[in-house]
Amino acid sequence: MKSTLILASLFAAAFSAPTPSPSVRRQTAGNFQTFTAALGGIAATPITDSGIAARPFAVKGNTFVNIGAALQRSCDQQFNACANAANGGDATLSVSQCSAQKGMYTRKYRSRSFS
């Protein structure tokens, strides 16, 4: 009885469908962007499912073949919006603060590998 249960469990594990890494699991809706720092209330641009199999990630209408490229675009857009606000007279922000935030973002995602 015990060996039958063990054998059945091994069989099920060997032939079950693989699951993608939690950090890049496909979503049908929502935001793949997980960076939450937002100087001046300026959040990183959302990354969504484009619905295009060959270019599955979208950032403000632009599509990307991998999550790494989409994350980089989202980060760059957040930095640009932050720097524009700082240069536009928002006394609560400075471009150096925006650069430091971009560095935090880069460090968060640099060590990850995406497929």
PDB file of N, CA and C in Angstrom:
ATOM      1  N   MET A   1       0.823  -1.191   0.000  1.00  0.00           N
ATOM      2  CA  MET A   1       0.000   0.000   0.000  1.00  0.00           C
ATOM      3  C   MET A   1       0.868   1.257   0.000  1.00  0.00           C
ATOM      4  N   LYS A   2       1.860   1.286   0.894  1.00  0.00           N
ATOM      5  CA  LYS A   2       2.741   2.439   0.999  1.00  0.00           C
ATOM      6  C   LYS A   2       3.529   2.634  -0.298  1.00  0.00           C
ATOM      7  N   SER A   3       4.041   1.544  -0.859  1.00  0.00           N
ATOM      8  CA  SER A   3       4.824   1.652  -2.097  1.00  0.00           C
ATOM      9  C   SER A   3       3.951   2.095  -3.264  1.00  0.00           C
ATOM     10  N   THR A   4       2.693   1.720  -3.282  1.00  0.00           N
ATOM     11  CA  THR A   4       1.778   2.156  -4.342  1.00  0.00           C
ATOM     12  C   THR A   4       1.571   3.666  -4.268  1.00  0.00           C
ATOM     13  N   LEU A   5       1.410   4.180  -3.076  1.00  0.00           N
ATOM     14  CA  LEU A   5       1.227   5.618  -2.877  1.00  0.00           C
ATOM     15  C   LEU A   5       2.479   6.387  -3.284  1.00  0.00           C
ATOM     16  N   ILE A   6       3.637   5.872  -2.906  1.00  0.00           N
ATOM     17  CA  ILE A   6       4.892   6.528  -3.269  1.00  0.00           C
ATOM     18  C   ILE A   6       5.084   6.507  -4.781  1.00  0.00           C
ATOM     19  N   LEU A   7       4.828   5.367  -5.394  1.00  0.00           N
ATOM     20  CA  LEU A   7       4.969   5.239  -6.839  1.00  0.00           C
ATOM     21  C   LEU A   7       4.014   6.176  -7.572  1.00  0.00           C
ATOM     22  N   ALA A   8       2.787   6.250  -7.098  1.00  0.00           N
ATOM     23  CA  ALA A   8       1.806   7.147  -7.723  1.00  0.00           C
ATOM     24  C   ALA A   8       2.247   8.600  -7.591  1.00  0.00           C
ATOM     25  N   SER A   9       2.789   8.976  -6.449  1.00  0.00           N
ATOM     26  CA  SER A   9       3.267  10.352  -6.240  1.00  0.00           C
ATOM     27  C   SER A   9       4.435  10.674  -7.151  1.00  0.00           C
ATOM     28  N   LEU A  10       5.389   9.744  -7.273  1.00  0.00           N
ATOM     29  CA  LEU A  10       6.529   9.947  -8.165  1.00  0.00           C
ATOM     30  C   LEU A  10       6.079  10.064  -9.610  1.00  0.00           C
ATOM     31  N   PHE A  11       5.149   9.222 -10.014  1.00  0.00           N
ATOM     32  CA  PHE A  11       4.633   9.247 -11.377  1.00  0.00           C
ATOM     33  C   PHE A  11       3.960  10.600 -11.665  1.00  0.00           C
ATOM     34  N   ALA A  12       3.146  11.057 -10.741  1.00  0.00           N
ATOM     35  CA  ALA A  12       2.450  12.329 -10.910  1.00  0.00           C
ATOM     36  C   ALA A  12       3.434  13.492 -10.991  1.00  0.00           C
ATOM     37  N   ALA A  13       4.463  13.454 -10.155  1.00  0.00           N
ATOM     38  CA  ALA A  13       5.454  14.532 -10.172  1.00  0.00           C
ATOM     39  C   ALA A  13       6.265  14.524 -11.455  1.00  0.00           C
ATOM     40  N   ALA A  14       6.576  13.344 -11.957  1.00  0.00           N
ATOM     41  CA  ALA A  14       7.394  13.241 -13.170  1.00  0.00           C
ATOM     42  C   ALA A  14       6.653  13.709 -14.406  1.00  0.00           C
ATOM     43  N   PHE A  15       5.352  13.525 -14.445  1.00  0.00           N
ATOM     44  CA  PHE A  15       4.597  13.837 -15.659  1.00  0.00           C
ATOM     45  C   PHE A  15       3.693  15.059 -15.538  1.00  0.00           C
ATOM     46  N   SER A  16       3.796  15.777 -14.451  1.00  0.00           N
ATOM     47  CA  SER A  16       2.983  16.986 -14.317  1.00  0.00           C
ATOM     48  C   SER A  16       3.596  18.099 -15.148  1.00  0.00           C
ATOM     49  N   ALA A  17       2.769  19.043 -15.524  1.00  0.00           N
ATOM     50  CA  ALA A  17       3.245  20.168 -16.335  1.00  0.00           C
ATOM     51  C   ALA A  17       4.149  21.060 -15.503  1.00  0.00           C
ATOM     52  N   PRO A  18       5.267  21.504 -16.070  1.00  0.00           N
ATOM     53  CA  PRO A  18       6.145  22.406 -15.323  1.00  0.00           C
ATOM     54  C   PRO A  18       5.476  23.763 -15.130  1.00  0.00           C
ATOM     55  N   THR A  19       5.803  24.411 -14.046  1.00  0.00           N
ATOM     56  CA  THR A  19       5.264  25.746 -13.803  1.00  0.00           C
ATOM     57  C   THR A  19       6.386  26.757 -13.955  1.00  0.00           C
ATOM     58  N   PRO A  20       6.098  27.905 -14.554  1.00  0.00           N
ATOM     59  CA  PRO A  20       7.133  28.919 -14.709  1.00  0.00           C
ATOM     60  C   PRO A  20       7.524  29.521 -13.373  1.00  0.00           C
ATOM     61  N   SER A  21       8.685  30.155 -13.381  1.00  0.00           N
ATOM     62  CA  SER A  21       9.165  30.838 -12.189  1.00  0.00           C
ATOM     63  C   SER A  21       8.124  31.854 -11.732  1.00  0.00           C
ATOM     64  N   PRO A  22       7.876  31.985 -10.421  1.00  0.00           N
ATOM     65  CA  PRO A  22       6.878  32.930  -9.936  1.00  0.00           C
ATOM     66  C   PRO A  22       7.149  34.365 -10.379  1.00  0.00           C
ATOM     67  N   SER A  23       8.423  34.723 -10.575  1.00  0.00           N
ATOM     68  CA  SER A  23       8.729  36.108 -10.935  1.00  0.00           C
ATOM     69  C   SER A  23       8.331  36.444 -12.366  1.00  0.00           C
ATOM     70  N   VAL A  24       8.142  35.445 -13.222  1.00  0.00           N
ATOM     71  CA  VAL A  24       7.765  35.722 -14.614  1.00  0.00           C
ATOM     72  C   VAL A  24       6.527  34.939 -15.036  1.00  0.00           C
ATOM     73  N   ARG A  25       5.766  34.443 -14.072  1.00  0.00           N
ATOM     74  CA  ARG A  25       4.554  33.698 -14.401  1.00  0.00           C
ATOM     75  C   ARG A  25       3.633  34.581 -15.235  1.00  0.00           C
ATOM     76  N   ARG A  26       3.122  34.048 -16.340  1.00  0.00           N
ATOM     77  CA  ARG A  26       2.259  34.810 -17.242  1.00  0.00           C
ATOM     78  C   ARG A  26       0.935  35.132 -16.556  1.00  0.00           C
ATOM     79  N   GLN A  27       0.476  36.306 -16.794  1.00  0.00           N
ATOM     80  CA  GLN A  27      -0.792  36.757 -16.257  1.00  0.00           C
ATOM     81  C   GLN A  27      -1.666  37.162 -17.430  1.00  0.00           C
ATOM     82  N   THR A  28      -2.954  37.011 -17.287  1.00  0.00           N
ATOM     83  CA  THR A  28      -3.836  37.462 -18.351  1.00  0.00           C
ATOM     84  C   THR A  28      -4.213  38.920 -18.147  1.00  0.00           C
ATOM     85  N   ALA A  29      -4.079  39.406 -16.962  1.00  0.00           N
ATOM     86  CA  ALA A  29      -4.354  40.812 -16.681  1.00  0.00           C
ATOM     87  C   ALA A  29      -3.471  41.224 -15.521  1.00  0.00           C
ATOM     88  N   GLY A  30      -3.279  42.510 -15.365  1.00  0.00           N
ATOM     89  CA  GLY A  30      -2.496  42.973 -14.233  1.00  0.00           C
ATOM     90  C   GLY A  30      -1.185  43.594 -14.655  1.00  0.00           C
ATOM     91  N   ASN A  31      -0.324  43.742 -13.692  1.00  0.00           N
ATOM     92  CA  ASN A  31       0.921  44.454 -13.874  1.00  0.00           C
ATOM     93  C   ASN A  31       2.092  43.555 -13.478  1.00  0.00           C
ATOM     94  N   PHE A  32       3.024  43.326 -14.404  1.00  0.00           N
ATOM     95  CA  PHE A  32       4.215  42.532 -14.115  1.00  0.00           C
ATOM     96  C   PHE A  32       5.247  43.347 -13.336  1.00  0.00           C
ATOM     97  N   GLN A  33       5.087  44.651 -13.298  1.00  0.00           N
ATOM     98  CA  GLN A  33       6.028  45.530 -12.617  1.00  0.00           C
ATOM     99  C   GLN A  33       5.840  45.401 -11.109  1.00  0.00           C
ATOM    100  N   THR A  34       6.919  45.099 -10.394  1.00  0.00           N
ATOM    101  CA  THR A  34       6.830  44.937  -8.942  1.00  0.00           C
ATOM    102  C   THR A  34       7.609  46.001  -8.164  1.00  0.00           C
ATOM    103  N   PHE A  35       8.281  46.909  -8.855  1.00  0.00           N
ATOM    104  CA  PHE A  35       9.037  47.967  -8.187  1.00  0.00           C
ATOM    105  C   PHE A  35       8.044  48.994  -7.651  1.00  0.00           C
ATOM    106  N   THR A  36       8.118  49.289  -6.363  1.00  0.00           N
ATOM    107  CA  THR A  36       7.097  50.138  -5.748  1.00  0.00           C
ATOM    108  C   THR A  36       7.576  51.524  -5.319  1.00  0.00           C
ATOM    109  N   ALA A  37       8.877  51.783  -5.351  1.00  0.00           N
ATOM    110  CA  ALA A  37       9.354  53.116  -4.969  1.00  0.00           C
ATOM    111  C   ALA A  37       8.800  54.131  -5.972  1.00  0.00           C
ATOM    112  N   ALA A  38       8.373  55.285  -5.469  1.00  0.00           N
ATOM    113  CA  ALA A  38       7.750  56.275  -6.347  1.00  0.00           C
ATOM    114  C   ALA A  38       7.997  57.686  -5.803  1.00  0.00           C
ATOM    115  N   LEU A  39       9.192  58.208  -6.059  1.00  0.00           N
ATOM    116  CA  LEU A  39       9.490  59.584  -5.637  1.00  0.00           C
ATOM    117  C   LEU A  39       8.473  60.540  -6.239  1.00  0.00           C
ATOM    118  N   GLY A  40       8.010  61.471  -5.437  1.00  0.00           N
ATOM    119  CA  GLY A  40       7.053  62.447  -5.930  1.00  0.00           C
ATOM    120  C   GLY A  40       5.748  61.828  -6.399  1.00  0.00           C
ATOM    121  N   GLY A  41       5.484  60.583  -5.992  1.00  0.00           N
ATOM    122  CA  GLY A  41       4.259  59.905  -6.418  1.00  0.00           C
ATOM    123  C   GLY A  41       4.322  59.375  -7.839  1.00  0.00           C
ATOM    124  N   ILE A  42       5.517  59.378  -8.435  1.00  0.00           N
ATOM    125  CA  ILE A  42       5.688  58.924  -9.819  1.00  0.00           C
ATOM    126  C   ILE A  42       6.075  57.448  -9.797  1.00  0.00           C
ATOM    127  N   ALA A  43       5.125  56.593 -10.126  1.00  0.00           N
ATOM    128  CA  ALA A  43       5.345  55.145 -10.101  1.00  0.00           C
ATOM    129  C   ALA A  43       5.976  54.688 -11.413  1.00  0.00           C
ATOM    130  N   ALA A  44       6.607  53.523 -11.350  1.00  0.00           N
ATOM    131  CA  ALA A  44       7.138  52.910 -12.570  1.00  0.00           C
ATOM    132  C   ALA A  44       5.969  52.573 -13.486  1.00  0.00           C
ATOM    133  N   THR A  45       6.200  52.723 -14.779  1.00  0.00           N
ATOM    134  CA  THR A  45       5.164  52.453 -15.767  1.00  0.00           C
ATOM    135  C   THR A  45       4.741  50.986 -15.681  1.00  0.00           C
ATOM    136  N   PRO A  46       3.436  50.701 -15.709  1.00  0.00           N
ATOM    137  CA  PRO A  46       2.982  49.311 -15.653  1.00  0.00           C
ATOM    138  C   PRO A  46       3.469  48.485 -16.843  1.00  0.00           C
ATOM    139  N   ILE A  47       3.709  47.212 -16.587  1.00  0.00           N
ATOM    140  CA  ILE A  47       4.067  46.252 -17.639  1.00  0.00           C
ATOM    141  C   ILE A  47       2.915  45.265 -17.714  1.00  0.00           C
ATOM    142  N   THR A  48       2.293  45.174 -18.874  1.00  0.00           N
ATOM    143  CA  THR A  48       1.122  44.331 -19.033  1.00  0.00           C
ATOM    144  C   THR A  48       1.330  43.277 -20.115  1.00  0.00           C
ATOM    145  N   ASP A  49       0.414  42.351 -20.182  1.00  0.00           N
ATOM    146  CA  ASP A  49       0.430  41.319 -21.219  1.00  0.00           C
ATOM    147  C   ASP A  49      -0.090  41.958 -22.499  1.00  0.00           C
ATOM    148  N   SER A  50       0.721  41.925 -23.556  1.00  0.00           N
ATOM    149  CA  SER A  50       0.340  42.559 -24.821  1.00  0.00           C
ATOM    150  C   SER A  50      -0.688  41.753 -25.596  1.00  0.00           C
ATOM    151  N   GLY A  51      -0.786  40.456 -25.301  1.00  0.00           N
ATOM    152  CA  GLY A  51      -1.671  39.592 -26.070  1.00  0.00           C
ATOM    153  C   GLY A  51      -1.035  39.090 -27.356  1.00  0.00           C
ATOM    154  N   ILE A  52       0.225  39.453 -27.584  1.00  0.00           N
ATOM    155  CA  ILE A  52       0.962  39.032 -28.779  1.00  0.00           C
ATOM    156  C   ILE A  52       1.991  37.988 -28.340  1.00  0.00           C
ATOM    157  N   ALA A  53       1.850  36.768 -28.823  1.00  0.00           N
ATOM    158  CA  ALA A  53       2.716  35.676 -28.363  1.00  0.00           C
ATOM    159  C   ALA A  53       4.200  35.956 -28.598  1.00  0.00           C
ATOM    160  N   ALA A  54       4.552  36.551 -29.720  1.00  0.00           N
ATOM    161  CA  ALA A  54       5.960  36.798 -30.040  1.00  0.00           C
ATOM    162  C   ALA A  54       6.547  37.974 -29.261  1.00  0.00           C
ATOM    163  N   ARG A  55       5.703  38.887 -28.790  1.00  0.00           N
ATOM    164  CA  ARG A  55       6.140  40.067 -28.027  1.00  0.00           C
ATOM    165  C   ARG A  55       5.159  40.250 -26.871  1.00  0.00           C
ATOM    166  N   PRO A  56       5.279  39.402 -25.852  1.00  0.00           N
ATOM    167  CA  PRO A  56       4.221  39.324 -24.836  1.00  0.00           C
ATOM    168  C   PRO A  56       4.147  40.442 -23.800  1.00  0.00           C
ATOM    169  N   PHE A  57       5.144  41.288 -23.712  1.00  0.00           N
ATOM    170  CA  PHE A  57       5.144  42.317 -22.665  1.00  0.00           C
ATOM    171  C   PHE A  57       4.957  43.701 -23.281  1.00  0.00           C
ATOM    172  N   ALA A  58       4.109  44.518 -22.658  1.00  0.00           N
ATOM    173  CA  ALA A  58       3.822  45.851 -23.183  1.00  0.00           C
ATOM    174  C   ALA A  58       4.053  46.912 -22.117  1.00  0.00           C
ATOM    175  N   VAL A  59       4.657  48.036 -22.549  1.00  0.00           N
ATOM    176  CA  VAL A  59       4.866  49.205 -21.698  1.00  0.00           C
ATOM    177  C   VAL A  59       4.428  50.409 -22.507  1.00  0.00           C
ATOM    178  N   LYS A  60       3.341  51.036 -22.092  1.00  0.00           N
ATOM    179  CA  LYS A  60       2.802  52.210 -22.789  1.00  0.00           C
ATOM    180  C   LYS A  60       2.687  51.995 -24.297  1.00  0.00           C
ATOM    181  N   GLY A  61       2.160  50.859 -24.692  1.00  0.00           N
ATOM    182  CA  GLY A  61       1.925  50.589 -26.107  1.00  0.00           C
ATOM    183  C   GLY A  61       3.094  49.991 -26.866  1.00  0.00           C
ATOM    184  N   ASN A  62       4.285  50.014 -26.282  1.00  0.00           N
ATOM    185  CA  ASN A  62       5.452  49.380 -26.920  1.00  0.00           C
ATOM    186  C   ASN A  62       5.533  47.941 -26.431  1.00  0.00           C
ATOM    187  N   THR A  63       5.836  47.000 -27.345  1.00  0.00           N
ATOM    188  CA  THR A  63       5.893  45.593 -26.960  1.00  0.00           C
ATOM    189  C   THR A  63       7.326  45.081 -26.948  1.00  0.00           C
ATOM    190  N   PHE A  64       7.561  44.055 -26.125  1.00  0.00           N
ATOM    191  CA  PHE A  64       8.904  43.522 -25.916  1.00  0.00           C
ATOM    192  C   PHE A  64       8.866  42.005 -25.916  1.00  0.00           C
ATOM    193  N   VAL A  65       9.967  41.392 -26.370  1.00  0.00           N
ATOM    194  CA  VAL A  65      10.041  39.937 -26.429  1.00  0.00           C
ATOM    195  C   VAL A  65      10.374  39.325 -25.077  1.00  0.00           C
ATOM    196  N   ASN A  66      10.958  40.100 -24.158  1.00  0.00           N
ATOM    197  CA  ASN A  66      11.286  39.535 -22.842  1.00  0.00           C
ATOM    198  C   ASN A  66      11.013  40.545 -21.732  1.00  0.00           C
ATOM    199  N   ILE A  67      10.847  40.014 -20.550  1.00  0.00           N
ATOM    200  CA  ILE A  67      10.514  40.846 -19.395  1.00  0.00           C
ATOM    201  C   ILE A  67      11.652  41.800 -19.035  1.00  0.00           C
ATOM    202  N   GLY A  68      12.890  41.387 -19.259  1.00  0.00           N
ATOM    203  CA  GLY A  68      14.024  42.249 -18.932  1.00  0.00           C
ATOM    204  C   GLY A  68      13.996  43.567 -19.690  1.00  0.00           C
ATOM    205  N   ALA A  69      13.697  43.490 -20.987  1.00  0.00           N
ATOM    206  CA  ALA A  69      13.621  44.707 -21.806  1.00  0.00           C
ATOM    207  C   ALA A  69      12.446  45.576 -21.364  1.00  0.00           C
ATOM    208  N   ALA A  70      11.336  44.958 -21.033  1.00  0.00           N
ATOM    209  CA  ALA A  70      10.164  45.718 -20.583  1.00  0.00           C
ATOM    210  C   ALA A  70      10.447  46.396 -19.241  1.00  0.00           C
ATOM    211  N   LEU A  71      11.130  45.697 -18.347  1.00  0.00           N
ATOM    212  CA  LEU A  71      11.492  46.297 -17.061  1.00  0.00           C
ATOM    213  C   LEU A  71      12.416  47.496 -17.255  1.00  0.00           C
ATOM    214  N   GLN A  72      13.370  47.375 -18.165  1.00  0.00           N
ATOM    215  CA  GLN A  72      14.288  48.483 -18.427  1.00  0.00           C
ATOM    216  C   GLN A  72      13.528  49.704 -18.953  1.00  0.00           C
ATOM    217  N   ARG A  73      12.590  49.482 -19.883  1.00  0.00           N
ATOM    218  CA  ARG A  73      11.810  50.602 -20.425  1.00  0.00           C
ATOM    219  C   ARG A  73      10.970  51.242 -19.336  1.00  0.00           C
ATOM    220  N   SER A  74      10.340  50.432 -18.503  1.00  0.00           N
ATOM    221  CA  SER A  74       9.523  50.956 -17.416  1.00  0.00           C
ATOM    222  C   SER A  74      10.365  51.808 -16.465  1.00  0.00           C
ATOM    223  N   CYS A  75      11.561  51.330 -16.155  1.00  0.00           N
ATOM    224  CA  CYS A  75      12.484  52.055 -15.277  1.00  0.00           C
ATOM    225  C   CYS A  75      12.893  53.381 -15.905  1.00  0.00           C
ATOM    226  N   ASP A  76      13.244  53.338 -17.184  1.00  0.00           N
ATOM    227  CA  ASP A  76      13.664  54.561 -17.876  1.00  0.00           C
ATOM    228  C   ASP A  76      12.538  55.588 -17.913  1.00  0.00           C
ATOM    229  N   GLN A  77      11.311  55.133 -18.131  1.00  0.00           N
ATOM    230  CA  GLN A  77      10.179  56.059 -18.167  1.00  0.00           C
ATOM    231  C   GLN A  77       9.923  56.678 -16.801  1.00  0.00           C
ATOM    232  N   GLN A  78      10.082  55.878 -15.739  1.00  0.00           N
ATOM    233  CA  GLN A  78       9.916  56.432 -14.404  1.00  0.00           C
ATOM    234  C   GLN A  78      10.995  57.475 -14.118  1.00  0.00           C
ATOM    235  N   PHE A  79      12.237  57.171 -14.476  1.00  0.00           N
ATOM    236  CA  PHE A  79      13.327  58.119 -14.259  1.00  0.00           C
ATOM    237  C   PHE A  79      13.070  59.421 -15.025  1.00  0.00           C
ATOM    238  N   ASN A  80      12.688  59.300 -16.291  1.00  0.00           N
ATOM    239  CA  ASN A  80      12.445  60.499 -17.102  1.00  0.00           C
ATOM    240  C   ASN A  80      11.326  61.355 -16.527  1.00  0.00           C
ATOM    241  N   ALA A  81      10.243  60.732 -16.080  1.00  0.00           N
ATOM    242  CA  ALA A  81       9.135  61.487 -15.495  1.00  0.00           C
ATOM    243  C   ALA A  81       9.566  62.172 -14.201  1.00  0.00           C
ATOM    244  N   CYS A  82      10.362  61.481 -13.409  1.00  0.00           N
ATOM    245  CA  CYS A  82      10.869  62.043 -12.153  1.00  0.00           C
ATOM    246  C   CYS A  82      11.796  63.227 -12.447  1.00  0.00           C
ATOM    247  N   ALA A  83      12.732  63.043 -13.363  1.00  0.00           N
ATOM    248  CA  ALA A  83      13.674  64.120 -13.709  1.00  0.00           C
ATOM    249  C   ALA A  83      12.944  65.311 -14.317  1.00  0.00           C
ATOM    250  N   ASN A  84      11.938  65.054 -15.149  1.00  0.00           N
ATOM    251  CA  ASN A  84      11.156  66.149 -15.728  1.00  0.00           C
ATOM    252  C   ASN A  84      10.441  66.940 -14.633  1.00  0.00           C
ATOM    253  N   ALA A  85       9.911  66.227 -13.638  1.00  0.00           N
ATOM    254  CA  ALA A  85       9.242  66.924 -12.528  1.00  0.00           C
ATOM    255  C   ALA A  85      10.252  67.755 -11.740  1.00  0.00           C
ATOM    256  N   ALA A  86      11.435  67.187 -11.477  1.00  0.00           N
ATOM    257  CA  ALA A  86      12.470  67.914 -10.737  1.00  0.00           C
ATOM    258  C   ALA A  86      12.922  69.146 -11.510  1.00  0.00           C
ATOM    259  N   ASN A  87      13.130  68.982 -12.805  1.00  0.00           N
ATOM    260  CA  ASN A  87      13.571  70.108 -13.635  1.00  0.00           C
ATOM    261  C   ASN A  87      12.451  71.113 -13.895  1.00  0.00           C
ATOM    262  N   GLY A  88      11.217  70.667 -13.714  1.00  0.00           N
ATOM    263  CA  GLY A  88      10.064  71.535 -13.967  1.00  0.00           C
ATOM    264  C   GLY A  88       9.646  72.352 -12.776  1.00  0.00           C
ATOM    265  N   GLY A  89      10.395  72.288 -11.696  1.00  0.00           N
ATOM    266  CA  GLY A  89      10.093  73.158 -10.565  1.00  0.00           C
ATOM    267  C   GLY A  89       9.565  72.465  -9.326  1.00  0.00           C
ATOM    268  N   ASP A  90       9.452  71.137  -9.325  1.00  0.00           N
ATOM    269  CA  ASP A  90       9.013  70.440  -8.118  1.00  0.00           C
ATOM    270  C   ASP A  90      10.155  70.495  -7.103  1.00  0.00           C
ATOM    271  N   ALA A  91      10.010  71.361  -6.113  1.00  0.00           N
ATOM    272  CA  ALA A  91      11.073  71.583  -5.125  1.00  0.00           C
ATOM    273  C   ALA A  91      11.292  70.384  -4.210  1.00  0.00           C
ATOM    274  N   THR A  92      10.373  69.432  -4.213  1.00  0.00           N
ATOM    275  CA  THR A  92      10.535  68.253  -3.354  1.00  0.00           C
ATOM    276  C   THR A  92      11.414  67.188  -4.007  1.00  0.00           C
ATOM    277  N   LEU A  93      11.771  67.386  -5.282  1.00  0.00           N
ATOM    278  CA  LEU A  93      12.571  66.399  -6.025  1.00  0.00           C
ATOM    279  C   LEU A  93      13.853  67.015  -6.555  1.00  0.00           C
ATOM    280  N   SER A  94      14.847  66.160  -6.746  1.00  0.00           N
ATOM    281  CA  SER A  94      16.057  66.566  -7.457  1.00  0.00           C
ATOM    282  C   SER A  94      16.411  65.443  -8.427  1.00  0.00           C
ATOM    283  N   VAL A  95      17.117  65.782  -9.490  1.00  0.00           N
ATOM    284  CA  VAL A  95      17.513  64.773 -10.472  1.00  0.00           C
ATOM    285  C   VAL A  95      18.417  63.735  -9.807  1.00  0.00           C
ATOM    286  N   SER A  96      19.221  64.138  -8.831  1.00  0.00           N
ATOM    287  CA  SER A  96      20.078  63.163  -8.150  1.00  0.00           C
ATOM    288  C   SER A  96      19.243  62.155  -7.351  1.00  0.00           C
ATOM    289  N   GLN A  97      18.123  62.599  -6.777  1.00  0.00           N
ATOM    290  CA  GLN A  97      17.227  61.661  -6.093  1.00  0.00           C
ATOM    291  C   GLN A  97      16.627  60.672  -7.100  1.00  0.00           C
ATOM    292  N   CYS A  98      16.258  61.184  -8.264  1.00  0.00           N
ATOM    293  CA  CYS A  98      15.696  60.329  -9.318  1.00  0.00           C
ATOM    294  C   CYS A  98      16.738  59.301  -9.768  1.00  0.00           C
ATOM    295  N   SER A  99      17.985  59.741  -9.896  1.00  0.00           N
ATOM    296  CA  SER A  99      19.068  58.828 -10.283  1.00  0.00           C
ATOM    297  C   SER A  99      19.282  57.756  -9.223  1.00  0.00           C
ATOM    298  N   ALA A 100      19.212  58.146  -7.956  1.00  0.00           N
ATOM    299  CA  ALA A 100      19.377  57.170  -6.875  1.00  0.00           C
ATOM    300  C   ALA A 100      18.254  56.136  -6.912  1.00  0.00           C
ATOM    301  N   GLN A 101      17.034  56.596  -7.184  1.00  0.00           N
ATOM    302  CA  GLN A 101      15.905  55.664  -7.286  1.00  0.00           C
ATOM    303  C   GLN A 101      16.109  54.701  -8.461  1.00  0.00           C
ATOM    304  N   LYS A 102      16.600  55.225  -9.587  1.00  0.00           N
ATOM    305  CA  LYS A 102      16.870  54.374 -10.746  1.00  0.00           C
ATOM    306  C   LYS A 102      17.937  53.334 -10.389  1.00  0.00           C
ATOM    307  N   GLY A 103      18.915  53.710  -9.588  1.00  0.00           N
ATOM    308  CA  GLY A 103      19.933  52.768  -9.135  1.00  0.00           C
ATOM    309  C   GLY A 103      19.345  51.655  -8.287  1.00  0.00           C
ATOM    310  N   MET A 104      18.376  51.996  -7.442  1.00  0.00           N
ATOM    311  CA  MET A 104      17.693  50.977  -6.634  1.00  0.00           C
ATOM    312  C   MET A 104      16.973  49.988  -7.546  1.00  0.00           C
ATOM    313  N   TYR A 105      16.318  50.516  -8.545  1.00  0.00           N
ATOM    314  CA  TYR A 105      15.576  49.697  -9.505  1.00  0.00           C
ATOM    315  C   TYR A 105      16.523  48.756 -10.236  1.00  0.00           C
ATOM    316  N   THR A 106      17.631  49.307 -10.721  1.00  0.00           N
ATOM    317  CA  THR A 106      18.608  48.517 -11.473  1.00  0.00           C
ATOM    318  C   THR A 106      19.184  47.401 -10.605  1.00  0.00           C
ATOM    319  N   ARG A 107      19.519  47.718  -9.352  1.00  0.00           N
ATOM    320  CA  ARG A 107      20.054  46.688  -8.452  1.00  0.00           C
ATOM    321  C   ARG A 107      19.032  45.597  -8.173  1.00  0.00           C
ATOM    322  N   LYS A 108      17.759  45.969  -8.072  1.00  0.00           N
ATOM    323  CA  LYS A 108      16.710  44.988  -7.787  1.00  0.00           C
ATOM    324  C   LYS A 108      16.625  43.957  -8.905  1.00  0.00           C
ATOM    325  N   TYR A 109      16.714  44.398 -10.150  1.00  0.00           N
ATOM    326  CA  TYR A 109      16.486  43.494 -11.274  1.00  0.00           C
ATOM    327  C   TYR A 109      17.762  42.969 -11.913  1.00  0.00           C
ATOM    328  N   ARG A 110      18.915  43.547 -11.642  1.00  0.00           N
ATOM    329  CA  ARG A 110      20.156  43.113 -12.272  1.00  0.00           C
ATOM    330  C   ARG A 110      20.480  41.665 -11.939  1.00  0.00           C
ATOM    331  N   SER A 111      20.259  41.258 -10.711  1.00  0.00           N
ATOM    332  CA  SER A 111      20.662  39.918 -10.272  1.00  0.00           C
ATOM    333  C   SER A 111      19.675  38.835 -10.705  1.00  0.00           C
ATOM    334  N   ARG A 112      18.535  39.218 -11.249  1.00  0.00           N
ATOM    335  CA  ARG A 112      17.544  38.219 -11.667  1.00  0.00           C
ATOM    336  C   ARG A 112      17.784  37.796 -13.097  1.00  0.00           C
ATOM    337  N   SER A 113      17.431  36.561 -13.385  1.00  0.00           N
ATOM    338  CA  SER A 113      17.501  36.096 -14.756  1.00  0.00           C
ATOM    339  C   SER A 113      16.103  35.839 -15.246  1.00  0.00           C
ATOM    340  N   PHE A 114      15.783  36.361 -16.404  1.00  0.00           N
ATOM    341  CA  PHE A 114      14.452  36.241 -16.975  1.00  0.00           C
ATOM    342  C   PHE A 114      14.539  35.492 -18.284  1.00  0.00           C
ATOM    343  N   SER A 115      13.491  34.722 -18.569  1.00  0.00           N
ATOM    344  CA  SER A 115      13.472  34.023 -19.849  1.00  0.00           C
ATOM    345  C   SER A 115      12.272  34.426 -20.657  1.00  0.00           C
TER     346      SER A 115
END
